[in-house]
Protein backbone atom coordinates (compact mmCIF):
# COMPACT_ATOMS: atom_id res chain seq x y z
CA MET A 1 90.78 -35.91 -41.24
CA ARG A 2 92.46 -33.36 -43.52
CA CYS A 3 95.52 -33.99 -45.67
CA VAL A 4 98.37 -31.64 -44.73
CA ALA A 5 101.05 -33.07 -47.00
CA CYS A 6 101.21 -35.99 -49.41
CA THR A 7 104.05 -38.28 -50.44
CA ARG A 8 104.32 -41.37 -52.62
CA LYS A 9 103.78 -43.29 -49.40
CA GLY A 10 100.48 -41.61 -48.64
CA CYS A 11 98.92 -38.61 -47.03
CA VAL A 12 100.07 -37.03 -43.77
CA SER A 13 96.88 -35.86 -42.08
CA ALA A 14 96.55 -33.04 -39.60
CA GLN A 15 95.58 -35.61 -36.93
CA ARG A 16 98.67 -37.74 -37.60
CA ALA A 17 100.78 -34.58 -37.61
CA GLY A 18 99.77 -33.79 -34.02
CA THR A 19 96.79 -31.45 -34.32
CA SER A 20 93.10 -31.84 -34.93
CA GLY A 21 93.24 -29.30 -37.75
CA ARG A 22 90.81 -27.01 -35.91
CA GLY A 23 91.58 -23.51 -34.75
CA THR A 24 94.56 -21.33 -35.43
CA GLY A 25 97.81 -20.48 -33.79
CA GLY A 26 100.34 -22.75 -32.13
CA ASN A 27 98.56 -26.07 -32.58
CA MET A 28 98.11 -25.67 -36.33
CA VAL A 29 101.65 -24.34 -36.81
CA ARG A 30 103.05 -27.23 -34.76
CA GLY A 31 100.97 -29.66 -36.85
CA VAL A 32 102.24 -28.22 -40.12
CA VAL A 33 105.86 -28.29 -38.88
CA GLN A 34 105.45 -31.93 -37.82
CA ALA A 35 103.82 -32.76 -41.17
CA VAL A 36 106.73 -31.18 -43.04
CA ALA A 37 109.14 -33.21 -40.89
CA ALA A 38 107.18 -36.38 -41.72
CA VAL A 39 107.32 -35.58 -45.45
CA ALA A 40 111.07 -34.94 -45.18
CA ALA A 41 111.54 -38.27 -43.39
CA ALA A 42 109.53 -40.06 -46.06
CA GLY A 43 111.62 -38.36 -48.75
CA ALA A 44 114.80 -39.46 -46.99
CA GLY A 45 113.48 -43.02 -47.03
CA MET A 46 112.87 -42.83 -50.79
CA LEU A 47 116.41 -41.56 -51.30
CA GLY A 48 117.87 -44.44 -49.32
CA VAL A 49 119.08 -42.30 -46.40
CA ALA A 50 119.50 -44.46 -43.31
CA GLY A 51 118.12 -43.58 -39.91
CA PRO A 52 115.15 -44.32 -37.68
CA ALA A 53 112.89 -41.85 -39.49
CA ALA A 54 113.73 -43.41 -42.85
CA ALA A 55 112.88 -47.00 -41.87
CA SER A 56 110.54 -48.79 -44.28
CA SER A 57 107.73 -49.60 -41.90
CA CYS A 58 104.24 -48.47 -41.14
CA GLY A 59 101.59 -48.99 -38.51
CA THR A 60 98.21 -50.50 -39.17
CA SER A 61 96.77 -47.53 -41.09
CA TRP A 62 95.05 -47.74 -44.46
CA GLN A 63 98.30 -46.52 -46.05
CA CYS A 64 100.17 -49.75 -45.35
CA PRO A 65 100.20 -52.32 -48.12
CA ALA A 66 97.90 -55.25 -47.43
CA VAL A 67 98.47 -58.95 -48.04
CA LEU A 68 95.75 -61.06 -49.67
CA THR A 69 95.19 -63.72 -47.02
CA ASP A 70 92.23 -65.92 -47.91
CA GLN A 71 90.95 -68.18 -50.63
CA ALA A 72 88.20 -65.64 -51.44
CA PRO A 73 89.12 -62.83 -53.84
CA TRP A 74 90.36 -59.57 -52.36
CA THR A 75 90.55 -60.30 -48.64
CA PRO A 76 93.45 -58.05 -47.56
CA GLN A 77 95.05 -57.83 -44.12
CA ILE A 78 97.95 -55.79 -42.80
CA LYS A 79 100.72 -57.85 -41.19
CA PRO A 80 98.75 -61.11 -41.24
CA THR A 81 99.75 -64.02 -39.01
CA VAL A 82 98.07 -66.60 -41.30
CA LEU A 83 98.06 -66.65 -45.11
CA TYR A 84 96.01 -69.03 -47.29
CA THR A 85 96.79 -69.34 -51.00
CA GLY A 86 93.75 -71.38 -52.05
CA GLN A 87 91.45 -74.20 -51.09
CA GLY A 88 91.72 -77.96 -50.58
CA GLY A 89 95.37 -78.96 -50.65
CA ALA A 90 96.82 -75.54 -51.35
CA PRO A 91 99.84 -74.63 -49.22
CA TYR A 92 99.35 -72.10 -46.44
CA LEU A 93 101.41 -70.22 -43.84
CA THR A 94 100.92 -69.84 -40.09
CA GLY A 95 102.79 -68.12 -37.28
CA LEU A 96 103.88 -65.24 -39.51
CA SER A 97 105.92 -62.51 -37.87
CA TRP A 98 107.23 -59.54 -39.82
CA SER A 99 110.74 -58.12 -39.37
CA SER A 100 110.03 -55.32 -41.87
CA TYR A 101 106.81 -54.10 -43.44
CA GLY A 102 106.33 -51.05 -45.66
CA HIS A 103 105.82 -49.75 -49.18
CA GLY A 104 109.28 -50.92 -50.25
CA GLY A 105 108.42 -54.52 -49.36
CA ALA A 106 108.04 -56.84 -46.41
CA ALA A 107 110.05 -59.67 -44.91
CA GLY A 108 108.93 -62.22 -42.38
CA ARG A 109 109.12 -65.78 -41.12
CA GLY A 110 106.56 -68.44 -40.39
CA ILE A 111 105.61 -72.07 -40.90
CA LEU A 112 104.74 -73.48 -44.33
CA HIS A 113 102.09 -76.22 -44.40
CA ALA A 114 102.14 -78.23 -47.63
CA GLU A 115 100.90 -81.66 -48.56
CA ARG A 116 103.01 -84.21 -50.36
CA SER A 117 102.91 -83.69 -54.12
CA GLY A 118 100.55 -86.05 -55.94
CA CYS A 119 98.60 -87.09 -52.84
CA THR A 120 94.89 -87.72 -53.48
CA PRO A 121 92.26 -87.25 -52.28
CA SER A 122 93.40 -84.05 -50.68
CA ALA A 123 91.18 -84.51 -47.60
CA ARG A 124 93.26 -87.57 -46.59
CA CYS A 125 96.70 -86.11 -47.24
CA VAL A 126 99.15 -85.34 -44.47
CA TYR A 127 100.52 -81.81 -44.35
CA TYR A 128 104.24 -81.40 -43.78
CA THR A 129 105.57 -78.30 -42.08
CA HIS A 130 108.73 -76.36 -42.83
CA PRO A 131 110.12 -73.08 -41.47
CA VAL A 132 109.75 -70.49 -44.23
CA THR A 133 111.07 -67.04 -45.04
CA VAL A 134 108.51 -64.81 -46.79
CA THR A 135 109.30 -61.78 -48.94
CA MET A 136 106.59 -59.45 -50.27
CA SER A 137 107.13 -56.90 -53.04
CA GLY A 138 105.48 -55.17 -55.97
CA THR A 139 103.33 -52.65 -54.08
CA GLN A 140 100.30 -51.78 -56.21
CA LEU A 141 97.28 -49.54 -55.74
CA HIS A 142 93.98 -51.45 -55.87
CA GLY A 143 90.95 -49.88 -57.52
CA ARG A 144 89.42 -49.42 -54.06
CA GLY A 145 92.28 -47.08 -53.12
CA GLU A 146 94.17 -49.59 -50.97
CA TYR A 147 97.82 -50.56 -51.41
CA TYR A 148 98.67 -54.25 -51.62
CA TYR A 149 101.64 -56.50 -52.34
CA SER A 150 101.37 -58.16 -55.76
CA ARG A 151 104.34 -60.56 -55.45
CA MET A 152 105.37 -63.05 -52.81
CA ARG A 153 108.35 -65.40 -52.53
CA TRP A 154 108.82 -68.28 -50.10
CA ALA A 155 112.20 -69.82 -49.30
CA TYR A 156 112.41 -73.01 -47.24
CA THR A 157 114.26 -76.30 -46.87
CA ALA A 158 112.46 -79.54 -47.71
CA ALA A 159 114.01 -83.00 -48.00
CA ASN A 160 117.44 -81.48 -47.27
CA ALA A 161 117.21 -79.22 -50.33
CA GLN A 162 116.64 -75.46 -50.60
CA ALA A 163 113.35 -74.62 -52.29
CA GLN A 164 111.67 -71.41 -53.43
CA HIS A 165 108.20 -70.65 -54.64
CA SER A 166 107.07 -67.39 -56.28
CA TRP A 167 103.52 -66.09 -56.35
CA LYS A 168 101.74 -63.24 -58.17
CA VAL A 169 98.32 -61.76 -57.54
CA ARG A 170 96.04 -62.29 -60.52
CA GLY A 171 92.32 -61.60 -60.38
CA GLY A 172 92.42 -61.14 -56.60
CA TYR A 173 94.07 -64.52 -55.94
CA TRP A 174 97.63 -65.75 -55.36
CA ARG A 175 98.72 -67.82 -58.38
């Protein structure tokens, strides 16, 4: 795969632009024209211009920011449906669905599973569930060349009160 044009959001390859990058003539010209259009659309998105081409979303390519999803360090996934924040008693999310997902951030909904505060031992604690809204932000570039979200915020209602919880990635873990 050859890079035809690059933006802050990543590289537009000849394959993604509609040509294999081999040969000359119409296919290569069409690929370059499509790549320029993709770069222009990405630029429009950075300038805040509305429209379908400027939407802040991406597929499942390596260019999409990943979410750290497991209790082990650096276990990224794109658009995860489950997200663990730690081990034994740590809250976790299931049933995640994403309404937006891109370099500017992500927004989704799911179910928060959390045990009652102060319950011990953790293995015997009951988990309560709450609908949750999840917001991801702070896109960073990992040393391995992968983008990831470094901040996460949960908003939910528990015991008839609005609650929020903020997380940051530190050392490959949510803290």
